[in-house]
């Protein structure tokens, strides 16, 4: 069994260290029960000058969420499906 955990040293996950002007969007797909871990991942990505897309951050009140999520997926360069073991 392979286990993964979010830590504060994401450098091992990054291919390049020059992300100062990186504007590619990383869409974070996840289940509601994984929201806490996805929030942690979102913060780590932001701290490393990456551009994650998270529903509770990027959706605006009153917005048609289904349309907005589909559009965000289309515009994303990376689609990251997050699974976390209990």
Protein backbone atom coordinates (compact mmCIF):
# COMPACT_ATOMS: atom_id res chain seq x y z
CA UNK A 1 0.00 0.00 0.00
CA UNK A 2 1.33 3.41 -0.96
CA UNK A 3 0.62 6.25 1.41
CA UNK A 4 1.02 9.91 0.70
CA UNK A 5 0.78 12.86 2.99
CA UNK A 6 0.89 16.58 2.56
CA UNK A 7 3.94 18.09 4.13
CA UNK A 8 5.54 21.50 4.08
CA UNK A 9 8.33 20.43 1.73
CA UNK A 10 6.65 20.25 -1.69
CA UNK A 11 9.94 20.82 -3.50
CA UNK A 12 10.20 17.09 -4.10
CA UNK A 13 6.96 17.32 -6.09
CA UNK A 14 7.97 20.26 -8.25
CA UNK A 15 9.73 19.81 -11.56
CA UNK A 16 11.10 23.34 -11.74
CA UNK A 17 11.84 25.92 -9.08
CA UNK A 18 11.20 29.00 -11.24
CA UNK A 19 7.46 29.54 -10.78
CA UNK A 20 7.51 33.28 -10.11
CA UNK A 21 5.66 34.01 -13.34
CA UNK A 22 3.90 30.66 -13.73
CA UNK A 23 0.21 31.30 -14.42
CA UNK A 24 -0.96 27.81 -15.36
CA UNK A 25 -4.08 26.83 -13.49
CA UNK A 26 -4.18 23.60 -11.47
CA UNK A 27 -7.78 22.44 -11.05
CA UNK A 28 -8.15 20.61 -7.73
CA UNK A 29 -10.87 17.96 -8.14
CA UNK A 30 -11.92 16.30 -4.90
CA UNK A 31 -14.69 14.76 -2.84
CA UNK A 32 -16.33 16.79 -0.10
CA UNK A 33 -14.93 14.49 2.60
CA UNK A 34 -11.40 15.35 1.40
CA UNK A 35 -11.92 19.12 1.60
CA UNK A 36 -9.61 19.61 4.59
CA UNK A 37 -6.63 17.94 2.91
CA UNK A 38 -7.35 19.74 -0.36
CA UNK A 39 -7.30 23.06 1.51
CA UNK A 40 -3.84 22.15 2.82
CA UNK A 41 -2.69 21.25 -0.69
CA UNK A 42 -4.14 24.53 -2.02
CA UNK A 43 -2.12 26.51 0.54
CA UNK A 44 1.09 24.64 -0.26
CA UNK A 45 0.64 25.29 -3.97
CA UNK A 46 -0.08 29.00 -3.35
CA UNK A 47 2.98 29.31 -1.09
CA UNK A 48 5.05 27.96 -3.98
CA UNK A 49 3.76 30.58 -6.44
CA UNK A 50 1.46 28.14 -8.22
CA UNK A 51 -2.09 28.87 -9.32
CA UNK A 52 -4.52 26.27 -7.93
CA UNK A 53 -8.27 26.51 -8.56
CA UNK A 54 -10.48 25.54 -5.61
CA UNK A 55 -14.25 25.83 -5.66
CA UNK A 56 -14.68 27.55 -2.29
CA UNK A 57 -12.05 30.14 -3.23
CA UNK A 58 -12.73 30.72 -6.91
CA UNK A 59 -16.51 30.43 -7.19
CA UNK A 60 -18.42 33.65 -6.60
CA UNK A 61 -21.75 33.83 -4.72
CA UNK A 62 -24.71 33.48 -7.07
CA UNK A 63 -22.56 32.07 -9.85
CA UNK A 64 -23.87 29.06 -11.77
CA UNK A 65 -21.39 26.66 -10.20
CA UNK A 66 -21.80 23.84 -12.73
CA UNK A 67 -20.99 26.15 -15.66
CA UNK A 68 -18.14 27.81 -13.77
CA UNK A 69 -16.54 24.51 -12.82
CA UNK A 70 -16.76 23.20 -16.40
CA UNK A 71 -15.17 26.42 -17.67
CA UNK A 72 -12.41 26.25 -15.04
CA UNK A 73 -11.62 22.67 -16.07
CA UNK A 74 -11.41 23.71 -19.74
CA UNK A 75 -9.05 26.57 -18.92
CA UNK A 76 -6.85 24.53 -16.57
CA UNK A 77 -3.54 23.25 -17.80
CA UNK A 78 -3.44 20.62 -15.04
CA UNK A 79 -6.35 18.58 -13.69
CA UNK A 80 -5.38 17.10 -10.34
CA UNK A 81 -7.76 14.49 -8.94
CA UNK A 82 -7.18 14.27 -5.21
CA UNK A 83 -7.76 11.00 -3.34
CA UNK A 84 -6.94 10.66 0.33
CA UNK A 85 -6.94 7.49 2.43
CA UNK A 86 -8.84 7.53 5.67
